[in-house]
């Protein structure tokens, strides 16, 4: 959960920084938001790769834990 929160927060910060920079260049309206999304997405691919890997590993572990508990419950019901 912590890795997901960190990655999401950093993505938001990148988007806001991109938004401000594109605004200062002179873009407005839909173009402003579209360019900021594209720029922040490309930058995050490079800059946040380590955080993205940590987040995906955390999510996989969470889903495996849930799946294991679900299987244990199903096996317990089958034994009864």
N, C-alpha and C. Protein backbone atom coordinates (compact mmCIF):
# COMPACT_ATOMS: atom_id res chain seq x y z
N UNK A 1 0.82 -1.19 0.00
CA UNK A 1 0.00 0.00 0.00
C UNK A 1 0.87 1.26 0.00
N UNK A 2 1.96 1.21 0.77
CA UNK A 2 2.84 2.37 0.85
C UNK A 2 3.49 2.66 -0.50
N UNK A 3 3.90 1.61 -1.21
CA UNK A 3 4.53 1.79 -2.52
C UNK A 3 3.53 2.38 -3.52
N UNK A 4 2.28 1.95 -3.44
CA UNK A 4 1.25 2.47 -4.34
C UNK A 4 0.99 3.94 -4.06
N UNK A 5 0.93 4.29 -2.80
CA UNK A 5 0.71 5.70 -2.43
C UNK A 5 1.89 6.57 -2.87
N UNK A 6 3.10 6.08 -2.69
CA UNK A 6 4.28 6.84 -3.10
C UNK A 6 4.29 7.04 -4.61
N UNK A 7 4.04 5.98 -5.37
CA UNK A 7 4.05 6.09 -6.83
C UNK A 7 2.96 7.05 -7.32
N UNK A 8 1.77 6.92 -6.76
CA UNK A 8 0.66 7.78 -7.17
C UNK A 8 0.95 9.24 -6.83
N UNK A 9 1.51 9.48 -5.67
CA UNK A 9 1.87 10.85 -5.27
C UNK A 9 2.91 11.44 -6.21
N UNK A 10 3.92 10.66 -6.55
CA UNK A 10 4.95 11.15 -7.45
C UNK A 10 4.40 11.40 -8.85
N UNK A 11 3.49 10.56 -9.31
CA UNK A 11 2.87 10.80 -10.62
C UNK A 11 2.08 12.10 -10.60
N UNK A 12 1.37 12.34 -9.52
CA UNK A 12 0.60 13.58 -9.39
C UNK A 12 1.51 14.80 -9.38
N UNK A 13 2.62 14.71 -8.67
CA UNK A 13 3.58 15.81 -8.63
C UNK A 13 4.15 16.06 -10.03
N UNK A 14 4.50 15.00 -10.74
CA UNK A 14 5.00 15.15 -12.11
C UNK A 14 3.96 15.82 -13.01
N UNK A 15 2.70 15.43 -12.86
CA UNK A 15 1.65 16.03 -13.68
C UNK A 15 1.51 17.52 -13.37
N UNK A 16 1.52 17.88 -12.10
CA UNK A 16 1.36 19.29 -11.72
C UNK A 16 2.54 20.11 -12.22
N UNK A 17 3.76 19.58 -12.09
CA UNK A 17 4.93 20.30 -12.59
C UNK A 17 4.84 20.47 -14.10
N UNK A 18 4.43 19.41 -14.80
CA UNK A 18 4.27 19.50 -16.25
C UNK A 18 3.20 20.52 -16.61
N UNK A 19 2.12 20.51 -15.87
CA UNK A 19 1.02 21.45 -16.11
C UNK A 19 1.50 22.90 -15.98
N UNK A 20 2.26 23.18 -14.94
CA UNK A 20 2.77 24.53 -14.72
C UNK A 20 3.73 24.93 -15.83
N UNK A 21 4.62 24.02 -16.19
CA UNK A 21 5.60 24.34 -17.25
C UNK A 21 4.92 24.59 -18.59
N UNK A 22 3.95 23.76 -18.93
CA UNK A 22 3.24 23.93 -20.20
C UNK A 22 2.41 25.21 -20.16
N UNK A 23 1.86 25.55 -19.01
CA UNK A 23 1.11 26.80 -18.87
C UNK A 23 2.02 28.01 -19.10
N UNK A 24 3.23 27.94 -18.54
CA UNK A 24 4.18 29.04 -18.70
C UNK A 24 4.62 29.21 -20.15
N UNK A 25 4.61 28.11 -20.90
CA UNK A 25 4.97 28.17 -22.32
C UNK A 25 3.87 28.85 -23.11
N UNK A 26 2.63 28.74 -22.63
CA UNK A 26 1.54 29.46 -23.29
C UNK A 26 0.35 28.62 -23.67
N UNK A 27 0.36 27.34 -23.39
CA UNK A 27 -0.78 26.49 -23.73
C UNK A 27 -1.92 26.75 -22.75
N UNK A 28 -3.13 26.65 -23.25
CA UNK A 28 -4.32 26.86 -22.41
C UNK A 28 -5.37 25.82 -22.75
N UNK A 29 -6.31 25.62 -21.85
CA UNK A 29 -7.46 24.76 -22.08
C UNK A 29 -7.11 23.29 -22.24
N UNK A 30 -7.77 22.66 -23.22
CA UNK A 30 -7.60 21.24 -23.46
C UNK A 30 -6.16 20.90 -23.85
N UNK A 31 -5.54 21.76 -24.63
CA UNK A 31 -4.15 21.54 -25.06
C UNK A 31 -3.22 21.51 -23.85
N UNK A 32 -3.46 22.36 -22.89
CA UNK A 32 -2.66 22.40 -21.67
C UNK A 32 -2.69 21.06 -20.95
N UNK A 33 -3.89 20.55 -20.73
CA UNK A 33 -4.05 19.29 -20.01
C UNK A 33 -3.49 18.12 -20.81
N UNK A 34 -3.76 18.10 -22.12
CA UNK A 34 -3.29 17.00 -22.97
C UNK A 34 -1.76 16.95 -23.00
N UNK A 35 -1.13 18.09 -23.20
CA UNK A 35 0.33 18.12 -23.23
C UNK A 35 0.93 17.75 -21.87
N UNK A 36 0.33 18.23 -20.79
CA UNK A 36 0.83 17.90 -19.46
C UNK A 36 0.71 16.40 -19.19
N UNK A 37 -0.39 15.78 -19.62
CA UNK A 37 -0.54 14.33 -19.45
C UNK A 37 0.51 13.56 -20.24
N UNK A 38 0.74 13.97 -21.47
CA UNK A 38 1.72 13.27 -22.30
C UNK A 38 3.12 13.44 -21.74
N UNK A 39 3.48 14.66 -21.38
CA UNK A 39 4.82 14.92 -20.86
C UNK A 39 5.05 14.18 -19.54
N UNK A 40 4.09 14.26 -18.63
CA UNK A 40 4.27 13.59 -17.34
C UNK A 40 4.29 12.07 -17.50
N UNK A 41 3.54 11.55 -18.46
CA UNK A 41 3.56 10.10 -18.70
C UNK A 41 4.90 9.62 -19.22
N UNK A 42 5.47 10.36 -20.16
CA UNK A 42 6.77 9.99 -20.72
C UNK A 42 7.87 10.12 -19.67
N UNK A 43 7.84 11.19 -18.92
CA UNK A 43 8.86 11.39 -17.88
C UNK A 43 8.74 10.31 -16.81
N UNK A 44 7.52 9.95 -16.44
CA UNK A 44 7.35 8.93 -15.39
C UNK A 44 7.82 7.56 -15.84
N UNK A 45 7.76 7.27 -17.13
CA UNK A 45 8.28 5.99 -17.62
C UNK A 45 9.76 5.84 -17.30
N UNK A 46 10.48 6.92 -17.39
CA UNK A 46 11.92 6.88 -17.15
C UNK A 46 12.25 7.09 -15.67
N UNK A 47 11.67 8.13 -15.10
CA UNK A 47 12.06 8.55 -13.75
C UNK A 47 11.48 7.65 -12.66
N UNK A 48 10.27 7.16 -12.85
CA UNK A 48 9.59 6.42 -11.78
C UNK A 48 9.59 4.91 -11.99
N UNK A 49 10.48 4.39 -12.81
CA UNK A 49 10.46 2.95 -13.08
C UNK A 49 10.71 2.13 -11.82
N UNK A 50 11.62 2.57 -10.97
CA UNK A 50 11.91 1.84 -9.73
C UNK A 50 10.68 1.83 -8.81
N UNK A 51 10.00 2.96 -8.72
CA UNK A 51 8.80 3.04 -7.88
C UNK A 51 7.66 2.20 -8.46
N UNK A 52 7.55 2.18 -9.78
CA UNK A 52 6.51 1.39 -10.43
C UNK A 52 6.76 -0.11 -10.20
N UNK A 53 8.02 -0.54 -10.26
CA UNK A 53 8.35 -1.94 -9.99
C UNK A 53 8.03 -2.31 -8.55
N UNK A 54 8.34 -1.42 -7.62
CA UNK A 54 8.03 -1.68 -6.22
C UNK A 54 6.53 -1.78 -6.00
N UNK A 55 5.78 -0.90 -6.66
CA UNK A 55 4.32 -0.92 -6.52
C UNK A 55 3.74 -2.21 -7.09
N UNK A 56 4.20 -2.62 -8.26
CA UNK A 56 3.65 -3.83 -8.88
C UNK A 56 4.01 -5.06 -8.05
N UNK A 57 5.21 -5.09 -7.48
CA UNK A 57 5.58 -6.20 -6.61
C UNK A 57 4.71 -6.26 -5.37
N UNK A 58 4.41 -5.12 -4.82
CA UNK A 58 3.55 -5.05 -3.64
C UNK A 58 2.13 -5.53 -3.96
N UNK A 59 1.63 -5.12 -5.12
CA UNK A 59 0.28 -5.55 -5.52
C UNK A 59 0.22 -7.05 -5.79
N UNK A 60 1.26 -7.59 -6.41
CA UNK A 60 1.30 -9.03 -6.68
C UNK A 60 1.31 -9.81 -5.37
N UNK A 61 2.12 -9.36 -4.41
CA UNK A 61 2.15 -10.04 -3.11
C UNK A 61 0.79 -9.99 -2.42
N UNK A 62 0.12 -8.86 -2.52
CA UNK A 62 -1.20 -8.72 -1.89
C UNK A 62 -2.21 -9.67 -2.52
N UNK A 63 -2.20 -9.74 -3.85
CA UNK A 63 -3.14 -10.62 -4.54
C UNK A 63 -2.83 -12.09 -4.29
N UNK A 64 -1.54 -12.43 -4.19
CA UNK A 64 -1.19 -13.82 -3.87
C UNK A 64 -1.67 -14.19 -2.48
N UNK A 65 -1.49 -13.28 -1.53
CA UNK A 65 -1.94 -13.52 -0.17
C UNK A 65 -3.46 -13.73 -0.13
N UNK A 66 -4.18 -12.89 -0.86
CA UNK A 66 -5.63 -13.02 -0.92
C UNK A 66 -6.02 -14.35 -1.55
N UNK A 67 -5.34 -14.71 -2.63
CA UNK A 67 -5.65 -15.96 -3.33
C UNK A 67 -5.35 -17.16 -2.43
N UNK A 68 -4.25 -17.12 -1.68
CA UNK A 68 -3.92 -18.21 -0.77
C UNK A 68 -4.97 -18.36 0.32
N UNK A 69 -5.43 -17.24 0.87
CA UNK A 69 -6.48 -17.31 1.91
C UNK A 69 -7.79 -17.83 1.33
N UNK A 70 -8.09 -17.44 0.11
CA UNK A 70 -9.29 -17.92 -0.55
C UNK A 70 -9.22 -19.43 -0.79
N UNK A 71 -8.06 -19.91 -1.24
CA UNK A 71 -7.87 -21.34 -1.45
C UNK A 71 -7.97 -22.11 -0.13
N UNK A 72 -7.40 -21.56 0.93
CA UNK A 72 -7.46 -22.22 2.23
C UNK A 72 -8.90 -22.33 2.71
N UNK A 73 -9.68 -21.29 2.51
CA UNK A 73 -11.09 -21.34 2.88
C UNK A 73 -11.87 -22.35 2.07
N UNK A 74 -11.59 -22.43 0.78
CA UNK A 74 -12.27 -23.39 -0.09
C UNK A 74 -11.92 -24.81 0.31
N UNK A 75 -10.65 -25.07 0.62
CA UNK A 75 -10.24 -26.41 1.04
C UNK A 75 -10.87 -26.79 2.37
N UNK A 76 -11.01 -25.82 3.28
CA UNK A 76 -11.64 -26.10 4.56
C UNK A 76 -13.11 -26.46 4.38
N UNK A 77 -13.79 -25.77 3.45
CA UNK A 77 -15.18 -26.10 3.17
C UNK A 77 -15.32 -27.47 2.53
N UNK A 78 -14.40 -27.81 1.66
CA UNK A 78 -14.43 -29.10 0.99
C UNK A 78 -14.23 -30.24 1.99
N UNK A 79 -13.40 -30.03 2.99
CA UNK A 79 -13.14 -31.07 3.98
C UNK A 79 -14.35 -31.30 4.88
N UNK A 80 -15.13 -30.27 5.09
CA UNK A 80 -16.32 -30.41 5.94
C UNK A 80 -17.35 -31.17 5.16
